[in-house]
Amino acid sequence: MKTETPNIVKVKIKRIAGHEDIELPAYETKGSSGMDLRAAVKDSVIIKPGEIKFIPTGVAVSIPPGYEGQIRPRSGLALRHGIGMVNSPGTIDSDYRGEIHLVMVNWGQAPFEIKRGDRVAQMVISTVCRAELLEVSTLERTSRGTGGFGHSGVK
């Protein structure tokens, strides 16, 4: 079986002053889709159940036009502790140059501690298509029609 070379896009990254000790985002395995982002908190942060916290990462990126950074929760933190992101996935647009921050939430039942340098989210670089909207008076019919939320059942 032939192993394919992944698509590579060059993304410039800048450390934010005062966070030079934080490891840059990195793919943890050869097959990882997302690069782990680390917490650049000054002191540890406790997120209580039901609480939302704004967590800095200590990095800013320059993503080329035609791409975006999708910021997603880490599945292990979600499963073990109920830690997620309110705006998941978050989007880093190609023209944004500020520090990446995470809007983290504790949906779990116990307080969760985030320490400096902890891997707390992941960033996936994805292609983006821009739509050209064409206003019409009717849309073509489909078998689904206007069926929405839950219309196809559970089984």
N, C-alpha and C. Protein backbone atom coordinates (compact mmCIF):
# COMPACT_ATOMS: atom_id res chain seq x y z
N MET A 1 0.84 -1.17 0.00
CA MET A 1 0.00 0.00 0.00
C MET A 1 0.89 1.24 0.00
N LYS A 2 0.60 2.17 -0.89
CA LYS A 2 1.39 3.39 -1.02
C LYS A 2 0.90 4.44 -0.03
N THR A 3 1.84 5.06 0.67
CA THR A 3 1.51 6.13 1.61
C THR A 3 1.56 7.46 0.86
N GLU A 4 0.49 8.23 0.96
CA GLU A 4 0.43 9.51 0.27
C GLU A 4 1.06 10.61 1.11
N THR A 5 1.69 11.55 0.44
CA THR A 5 2.25 12.71 1.11
C THR A 5 1.10 13.68 1.39
N PRO A 6 0.99 14.18 2.62
CA PRO A 6 -0.10 15.12 2.94
C PRO A 6 0.09 16.45 2.21
N ASN A 7 -1.02 17.14 2.01
CA ASN A 7 -0.94 18.50 1.46
C ASN A 7 -0.25 19.38 2.49
N ILE A 8 0.65 20.19 2.03
CA ILE A 8 1.38 21.09 2.92
C ILE A 8 1.09 22.53 2.53
N VAL A 9 0.73 23.34 3.50
CA VAL A 9 0.57 24.78 3.30
C VAL A 9 1.46 25.47 4.33
N LYS A 10 2.18 26.48 3.90
CA LYS A 10 3.08 27.19 4.81
C LYS A 10 2.29 28.24 5.59
N VAL A 11 2.35 28.16 6.92
CA VAL A 11 1.68 29.09 7.81
C VAL A 11 2.74 29.74 8.69
N LYS A 12 2.83 31.06 8.62
CA LYS A 12 3.78 31.78 9.47
C LYS A 12 3.20 31.87 10.87
N ILE A 13 4.09 31.73 11.87
CA ILE A 13 3.66 31.80 13.27
C ILE A 13 4.58 32.73 14.04
N LYS A 14 4.01 33.48 14.95
CA LYS A 14 4.77 34.44 15.75
C LYS A 14 4.47 34.18 17.22
N ARG A 15 5.52 34.12 18.03
CA ARG A 15 5.33 34.03 19.48
C ARG A 15 4.99 35.41 20.01
N ILE A 16 4.05 35.47 20.91
CA ILE A 16 3.70 36.73 21.56
C ILE A 16 4.72 36.98 22.67
N ALA A 17 5.21 38.21 22.78
CA ALA A 17 6.22 38.55 23.79
C ALA A 17 5.77 38.10 25.17
N GLY A 18 6.70 37.49 25.90
CA GLY A 18 6.42 37.00 27.24
C GLY A 18 5.99 35.54 27.26
N HIS A 19 5.84 34.95 26.06
CA HIS A 19 5.40 33.55 25.98
C HIS A 19 6.40 32.68 25.21
N GLU A 20 7.66 33.09 25.21
CA GLU A 20 8.69 32.36 24.46
C GLU A 20 8.90 30.95 25.01
N ASP A 21 8.50 30.70 26.25
CA ASP A 21 8.68 29.37 26.85
C ASP A 21 7.60 28.38 26.44
N ILE A 22 6.54 28.85 25.83
CA ILE A 22 5.43 27.98 25.42
C ILE A 22 5.81 27.30 24.10
N GLU A 23 5.66 25.98 24.05
CA GLU A 23 5.97 25.24 22.82
C GLU A 23 5.03 25.67 21.71
N LEU A 24 5.56 25.74 20.49
CA LEU A 24 4.74 26.07 19.34
C LEU A 24 3.74 24.94 19.07
N PRO A 25 2.61 25.26 18.42
CA PRO A 25 1.67 24.19 18.07
C PRO A 25 2.39 23.12 17.26
N ALA A 26 1.99 21.87 17.48
CA ALA A 26 2.65 20.75 16.80
C ALA A 26 1.68 19.60 16.62
N TYR A 27 1.93 18.81 15.57
CA TYR A 27 1.18 17.58 15.35
C TYR A 27 1.80 16.52 16.26
N GLU A 28 1.01 15.89 17.09
CA GLU A 28 1.53 14.91 18.06
C GLU A 28 1.83 13.56 17.43
N THR A 29 1.14 13.21 16.34
CA THR A 29 1.42 11.96 15.64
C THR A 29 1.50 12.23 14.15
N LYS A 30 2.03 11.28 13.41
CA LYS A 30 2.19 11.41 11.97
C LYS A 30 0.84 11.60 11.26
N GLY A 31 -0.22 10.99 11.78
CA GLY A 31 -1.52 11.07 11.15
C GLY A 31 -2.46 12.11 11.74
N SER A 32 -1.97 12.93 12.66
CA SER A 32 -2.83 13.95 13.29
C SER A 32 -3.30 14.97 12.28
N SER A 33 -4.58 15.34 12.36
CA SER A 33 -5.14 16.39 11.52
C SER A 33 -4.91 17.76 12.13
N GLY A 34 -4.89 17.82 13.46
CA GLY A 34 -4.77 19.08 14.17
C GLY A 34 -3.47 19.21 14.93
N MET A 35 -3.00 20.45 15.01
CA MET A 35 -1.83 20.78 15.83
C MET A 35 -2.33 21.17 17.21
N ASP A 36 -1.72 20.62 18.24
CA ASP A 36 -2.13 20.96 19.60
C ASP A 36 -1.69 22.38 19.95
N LEU A 37 -2.63 23.14 20.52
CA LEU A 37 -2.36 24.49 21.02
C LEU A 37 -2.19 24.41 22.53
N ARG A 38 -1.30 25.21 23.07
CA ARG A 38 -1.00 25.18 24.50
C ARG A 38 -1.50 26.44 25.19
N ALA A 39 -1.78 26.29 26.46
CA ALA A 39 -2.25 27.41 27.28
C ALA A 39 -1.07 28.30 27.65
N ALA A 40 -1.21 29.59 27.39
CA ALA A 40 -0.18 30.57 27.76
C ALA A 40 -0.67 31.40 28.94
N VAL A 41 -1.27 30.72 29.91
CA VAL A 41 -1.76 31.41 31.11
C VAL A 41 -0.57 31.77 32.00
N LYS A 42 -0.65 32.91 32.68
CA LYS A 42 0.43 33.34 33.57
C LYS A 42 0.48 32.43 34.78
N ASP A 43 -0.66 32.28 35.44
CA ASP A 43 -0.82 31.38 36.58
C ASP A 43 -1.86 30.34 36.18
N SER A 44 -1.90 29.23 36.89
CA SER A 44 -2.91 28.23 36.54
C SER A 44 -4.30 28.84 36.66
N VAL A 45 -5.22 28.32 35.83
CA VAL A 45 -6.60 28.81 35.78
C VAL A 45 -7.52 27.64 36.12
N ILE A 46 -8.45 27.88 37.01
CA ILE A 46 -9.46 26.88 37.35
C ILE A 46 -10.74 27.25 36.63
N ILE A 47 -11.29 26.28 35.89
CA ILE A 47 -12.59 26.47 35.25
C ILE A 47 -13.58 25.63 36.04
N LYS A 48 -14.51 26.31 36.70
CA LYS A 48 -15.52 25.62 37.49
C LYS A 48 -16.60 25.06 36.57
N PRO A 49 -17.34 24.04 37.01
CA PRO A 49 -18.44 23.52 36.20
C PRO A 49 -19.39 24.64 35.76
N GLY A 50 -19.69 24.66 34.46
CA GLY A 50 -20.58 25.67 33.91
C GLY A 50 -19.90 26.98 33.59
N GLU A 51 -18.63 27.12 33.89
CA GLU A 51 -17.91 28.38 33.70
C GLU A 51 -17.21 28.42 32.34
N ILE A 52 -17.10 29.64 31.79
CA ILE A 52 -16.40 29.89 30.53
C ILE A 52 -15.19 30.76 30.83
N LYS A 53 -14.04 30.39 30.25
CA LYS A 53 -12.81 31.19 30.43
C LYS A 53 -12.16 31.45 29.07
N PHE A 54 -11.52 32.61 28.97
CA PHE A 54 -10.80 33.05 27.77
C PHE A 54 -9.33 32.71 28.00
N ILE A 55 -8.80 31.76 27.25
CA ILE A 55 -7.44 31.25 27.48
C ILE A 55 -6.52 31.66 26.33
N PRO A 56 -5.42 32.37 26.63
CA PRO A 56 -4.47 32.75 25.59
C PRO A 56 -3.58 31.57 25.18
N THR A 57 -3.07 31.62 23.95
CA THR A 57 -2.17 30.56 23.48
C THR A 57 -0.74 31.04 23.31
N GLY A 58 -0.52 32.36 23.32
CA GLY A 58 0.84 32.88 23.18
C GLY A 58 1.34 32.91 21.76
N VAL A 59 0.47 32.67 20.76
CA VAL A 59 0.89 32.68 19.36
C VAL A 59 -0.12 33.42 18.49
N ALA A 60 0.39 33.96 17.39
CA ALA A 60 -0.42 34.54 16.33
C ALA A 60 0.05 33.91 15.03
N VAL A 61 -0.83 33.81 14.05
CA VAL A 61 -0.49 33.16 12.79
C VAL A 61 -0.86 34.03 11.60
N SER A 62 -0.22 33.73 10.48
CA SER A 62 -0.54 34.33 9.19
C SER A 62 -0.92 33.18 8.28
N ILE A 63 -2.22 32.96 8.15
CA ILE A 63 -2.73 31.87 7.32
C ILE A 63 -2.94 32.42 5.91
N PRO A 64 -2.46 31.72 4.89
CA PRO A 64 -2.60 32.23 3.52
C PRO A 64 -4.06 32.36 3.08
N PRO A 65 -4.35 33.29 2.18
CA PRO A 65 -5.71 33.39 1.62
C PRO A 65 -6.13 32.05 1.04
N GLY A 66 -7.41 31.73 1.19
CA GLY A 66 -7.91 30.45 0.70
C GLY A 66 -7.88 29.36 1.75
N TYR A 67 -7.40 29.71 2.96
CA TYR A 67 -7.33 28.76 4.07
C TYR A 67 -7.88 29.41 5.33
N GLU A 68 -8.20 28.61 6.31
CA GLU A 68 -8.60 29.07 7.64
C GLU A 68 -7.99 28.14 8.67
N GLY A 69 -7.90 28.60 9.90
CA GLY A 69 -7.55 27.75 11.02
C GLY A 69 -8.83 27.42 11.76
N GLN A 70 -9.14 26.14 11.92
CA GLN A 70 -10.30 25.73 12.71
C GLN A 70 -9.79 25.32 14.08
N ILE A 71 -10.32 25.94 15.12
CA ILE A 71 -9.90 25.66 16.48
C ILE A 71 -10.94 24.75 17.11
N ARG A 72 -10.49 23.60 17.57
CA ARG A 72 -11.39 22.55 18.08
C ARG A 72 -10.94 22.08 19.46
N PRO A 73 -11.89 21.51 20.22
CA PRO A 73 -11.52 20.94 21.52
C PRO A 73 -10.67 19.68 21.33
N ARG A 74 -10.00 19.29 22.37
CA ARG A 74 -9.28 18.01 22.38
C ARG A 74 -10.22 16.94 22.92
N SER A 75 -10.33 15.84 22.22
CA SER A 75 -11.32 14.81 22.58
C SER A 75 -11.06 14.20 23.94
N GLY A 76 -9.82 14.02 24.33
CA GLY A 76 -9.52 13.44 25.64
C GLY A 76 -9.98 14.32 26.79
N LEU A 77 -9.80 15.64 26.64
CA LEU A 77 -10.28 16.56 27.69
C LEU A 77 -11.80 16.56 27.74
N ALA A 78 -12.44 16.45 26.59
CA ALA A 78 -13.90 16.41 26.55
C ALA A 78 -14.42 15.14 27.22
N LEU A 79 -13.85 14.01 26.89
CA LEU A 79 -14.30 12.73 27.43
C LEU A 79 -14.04 12.61 28.93
N ARG A 80 -12.83 12.93 29.36
CA ARG A 80 -12.44 12.70 30.76
C ARG A 80 -12.92 13.80 31.72
N HIS A 81 -13.02 15.04 31.21
CA HIS A 81 -13.29 16.16 32.12
C HIS A 81 -14.46 17.06 31.70
N GLY A 82 -15.04 16.83 30.52
CA GLY A 82 -16.12 17.69 30.05
C GLY A 82 -15.65 19.05 29.59
N ILE A 83 -14.38 19.17 29.21
CA ILE A 83 -13.83 20.44 28.78
C ILE A 83 -13.99 20.59 27.27
N GLY A 84 -14.60 21.70 26.87
CA GLY A 84 -14.82 21.95 25.45
C GLY A 84 -14.65 23.41 25.12
N MET A 85 -15.16 23.76 23.96
CA MET A 85 -15.09 25.14 23.50
C MET A 85 -16.50 25.60 23.14
N VAL A 86 -16.85 26.79 23.58
CA VAL A 86 -18.18 27.31 23.36
C VAL A 86 -18.44 27.52 21.87
N ASN A 87 -17.49 28.04 21.15
CA ASN A 87 -17.64 28.32 19.72
C ASN A 87 -16.86 27.30 18.89
N SER A 88 -17.25 26.06 18.98
CA SER A 88 -16.50 25.01 18.32
C SER A 88 -17.15 24.60 17.01
N PRO A 89 -16.41 24.60 15.90
CA PRO A 89 -15.03 25.07 15.86
C PRO A 89 -14.96 26.59 15.76
N GLY A 90 -13.93 27.13 16.37
CA GLY A 90 -13.64 28.54 16.20
C GLY A 90 -12.92 28.72 14.88
N THR A 91 -12.94 29.91 14.33
CA THR A 91 -12.31 30.17 13.04
C THR A 91 -11.24 31.24 13.17
N ILE A 92 -10.07 30.95 12.63
CA ILE A 92 -9.01 31.95 12.49
C ILE A 92 -8.98 32.30 11.00
N ASP A 93 -9.42 33.50 10.66
CA ASP A 93 -9.47 33.93 9.27
C ASP A 93 -8.07 34.24 8.75
N SER A 94 -7.92 34.20 7.42
CA SER A 94 -6.61 34.43 6.82
C SER A 94 -6.10 35.86 7.02
N ASP A 95 -6.98 36.80 7.35
CA ASP A 95 -6.51 38.18 7.54
C ASP A 95 -6.41 38.57 9.02
N TYR A 96 -6.60 37.62 9.94
CA TYR A 96 -6.46 37.92 11.38
C TYR A 96 -5.01 37.76 11.79
N ARG A 97 -4.48 38.73 12.52
CA ARG A 97 -3.08 38.68 12.93
C ARG A 97 -2.89 38.78 14.45
N GLY A 98 -3.97 38.74 15.21
CA GLY A 98 -3.85 38.82 16.66
C GLY A 98 -3.57 37.47 17.30
N GLU A 99 -3.35 37.52 18.60
CA GLU A 99 -3.11 36.28 19.35
C GLU A 99 -4.34 35.38 19.30
N ILE A 100 -4.10 34.10 19.17
CA ILE A 100 -5.19 33.12 19.21
C ILE A 100 -5.58 32.92 20.67
N HIS A 101 -6.86 33.10 20.95
CA HIS A 101 -7.42 32.83 22.28
C HIS A 101 -8.48 31.74 22.15
N LEU A 102 -8.72 31.03 23.21
CA LEU A 102 -9.68 29.94 23.23
C LEU A 102 -10.82 30.28 24.18
N VAL A 103 -12.05 30.03 23.75
CA VAL A 103 -13.22 30.26 24.60
C VAL A 103 -13.61 28.89 25.17
N MET A 104 -13.03 28.55 26.32
CA MET A 104 -13.17 27.21 26.89
C MET A 104 -14.29 27.17 27.93
N VAL A 105 -14.94 26.00 28.00
CA VAL A 105 -16.06 25.81 28.92
C VAL A 105 -15.88 24.47 29.65
N ASN A 106 -16.35 24.44 30.86
CA ASN A 106 -16.33 23.20 31.64
C ASN A 106 -17.77 22.69 31.73
N TRP A 107 -18.08 21.69 30.91
CA TRP A 107 -19.39 21.05 30.95
C TRP A 107 -19.37 19.87 31.91
N GLY A 108 -18.25 19.64 32.56
CA GLY A 108 -18.10 18.53 33.50
C GLY A 108 -18.71 18.85 34.85
N GLN A 109 -18.42 17.96 35.82
CA GLN A 109 -19.00 18.11 37.15
C GLN A 109 -17.99 18.51 38.20
N ALA A 110 -16.71 18.63 37.80
CA ALA A 110 -15.67 19.00 38.76
C ALA A 110 -14.85 20.16 38.20
N PRO A 111 -14.27 20.98 39.06
CA PRO A 111 -13.38 22.05 38.59
C PRO A 111 -12.22 21.44 37.80
N PHE A 112 -11.74 22.17 36.81
CA PHE A 112 -10.63 21.69 35.97
C PHE A 112 -9.54 22.74 35.97
N GLU A 113 -8.31 22.31 36.19
CA GLU A 113 -7.17 23.23 36.24
C GLU A 113 -6.40 23.21 34.92
N ILE A 114 -6.17 24.41 34.39
CA ILE A 114 -5.32 24.58 33.21
C ILE A 114 -4.03 25.22 33.67
N LYS A 115 -2.91 24.56 33.38
CA LYS A 115 -1.60 25.07 33.76
C LYS A 115 -0.86 25.58 32.52
N ARG A 116 0.08 26.46 32.75
CA ARG A 116 0.89 27.01 31.67
C ARG A 116 1.54 25.88 30.87
N GLY A 117 1.36 25.92 29.55
CA GLY A 117 1.97 24.92 28.67
C GLY A 117 1.11 23.70 28.42
N ASP A 118 -0.03 23.56 29.11
CA ASP A 118 -0.92 22.41 28.87
C ASP A 118 -1.47 22.45 27.45
N ARG A 119 -1.59 21.28 26.82
CA ARG A 119 -2.24 21.16 25.52
C ARG A 119 -3.75 21.20 25.76
N VAL A 120 -4.41 22.23 25.25
CA VAL A 120 -5.82 22.44 25.60
C VAL A 120 -6.78 22.49 24.40
N ALA A 121 -6.28 22.61 23.19
CA ALA A 121 -7.13 22.67 22.00
C ALA A 121 -6.29 22.23 20.81
N GLN A 122 -6.92 22.19 19.65
CA GLN A 122 -6.16 21.86 18.44
C GLN A 122 -6.58 22.76 17.30
N MET A 123 -5.64 22.98 16.37
CA MET A 123 -5.89 23.82 15.21
C MET A 123 -5.70 22.99 13.95
N VAL A 124 -6.74 22.98 13.11
CA VAL A 124 -6.71 22.31 11.83
C VAL A 124 -6.70 23.39 10.75
N ILE A 125 -5.77 23.29 9.80
CA ILE A 125 -5.73 24.23 8.68
C ILE A 125 -6.55 23.61 7.55
N SER A 126 -7.57 24.35 7.09
CA SER A 126 -8.49 23.83 6.08
C SER A 126 -8.65 24.82 4.94
N THR A 127 -8.98 24.27 3.76
CA THR A 127 -9.26 25.14 2.62
C THR A 127 -10.63 25.79 2.80
N VAL A 128 -10.79 26.94 2.19
CA VAL A 128 -12.04 27.69 2.27
C VAL A 128 -12.50 28.00 0.85
N CYS A 129 -13.78 27.81 0.61
CA CYS A 129 -14.39 28.23 -0.65
C CYS A 129 -15.25 29.45 -0.36
N ARG A 130 -15.20 30.43 -1.21
CA ARG A 130 -16.07 31.60 -1.08
C ARG A 130 -17.24 31.40 -2.01
N ALA A 131 -18.43 31.70 -1.52
CA ALA A 131 -19.65 31.50 -2.30
C ALA A 131 -20.04 32.77 -3.03
N GLU A 132 -20.57 32.59 -4.21
CA GLU A 132 -21.21 33.68 -4.94
C GLU A 132 -22.70 33.42 -4.82
N LEU A 133 -23.42 34.29 -4.12
CA LEU A 133 -24.84 34.09 -3.90
C LEU A 133 -25.64 34.56 -5.10
N LEU A 134 -26.59 33.72 -5.52
CA LEU A 134 -27.46 34.03 -6.63
C LEU A 134 -28.89 34.05 -6.10
N GLU A 135 -29.49 35.22 -5.97
CA GLU A 135 -30.84 35.31 -5.43
C GLU A 135 -31.84 34.80 -6.47
N VAL A 136 -32.73 33.88 -6.01
CA VAL A 136 -33.76 33.30 -6.87
C VAL A 136 -35.11 33.35 -6.14
N SER A 137 -36.19 33.14 -6.87
CA SER A 137 -37.51 33.15 -6.24
C SER A 137 -37.93 31.75 -5.78
N THR A 138 -37.35 30.70 -6.35
CA THR A 138 -37.64 29.33 -5.92
C THR A 138 -36.36 28.51 -5.95
N LEU A 139 -36.36 27.43 -5.18
CA LEU A 139 -35.23 26.50 -5.16
C LEU A 139 -35.70 25.16 -5.73
N GLU A 140 -34.78 24.39 -6.31
CA GLU A 140 -35.14 23.08 -6.84
C GLU A 140 -35.59 22.16 -5.71
N ARG A 141 -36.51 21.26 -6.01
CA ARG A 141 -37.06 20.35 -5.01
C ARG A 141 -36.11 19.19 -4.76
N THR A 142 -36.15 18.66 -3.52
CA THR A 142 -35.41 17.45 -3.17
C THR A 142 -36.34 16.52 -2.41
N SER A 143 -35.95 15.26 -2.23
CA SER A 143 -36.79 14.33 -1.47
C SER A 143 -36.88 14.74 0.00
N ARG A 144 -35.88 15.39 0.52
CA ARG A 144 -35.90 15.85 1.91
C ARG A 144 -36.80 17.07 2.07
N GLY A 145 -36.78 17.94 1.12
CA GLY A 145 -37.59 19.15 1.20
C GLY A 145 -37.17 20.03 2.35
N THR A 146 -38.14 20.45 3.17
CA THR A 146 -37.84 21.35 4.28
C THR A 146 -37.65 20.62 5.60
N GLY A 147 -37.56 19.28 5.57
CA GLY A 147 -37.37 18.50 6.80
C GLY A 147 -36.07 18.89 7.48
N GLY A 148 -36.16 19.26 8.74
CA GLY A 148 -34.98 19.71 9.48
C GLY A 148 -34.72 18.88 10.71
N PHE A 149 -34.36 19.54 11.78
CA PHE A 149 -33.94 18.95 13.04
C PHE A 149 -34.69 17.67 13.41
N GLY A 150 -34.00 16.54 13.31
CA GLY A 150 -34.55 15.27 13.75
C GLY A 150 -35.56 14.64 12.81
N HIS A 151 -35.72 15.17 11.61
CA HIS A 151 -36.77 14.66 10.72
C HIS A 151 -36.56 13.22 10.29
N SER A 152 -35.31 12.74 10.32
CA SER A 152 -35.05 11.37 9.85
C SER A 152 -35.03 10.35 11.00
N GLY A 153 -35.28 10.79 12.22
CA GLY A 153 -35.36 9.87 13.36
C GLY A 153 -34.01 9.50 13.92
N VAL A 154 -34.01 8.51 14.82
CA VAL A 154 -32.79 8.07 15.49
C VAL A 154 -32.24 6.78 14.88
N LYS A 155 -33.12 5.89 14.46
CA LYS A 155 -32.66 4.59 13.93
C LYS A 155 -32.89 4.48 12.45
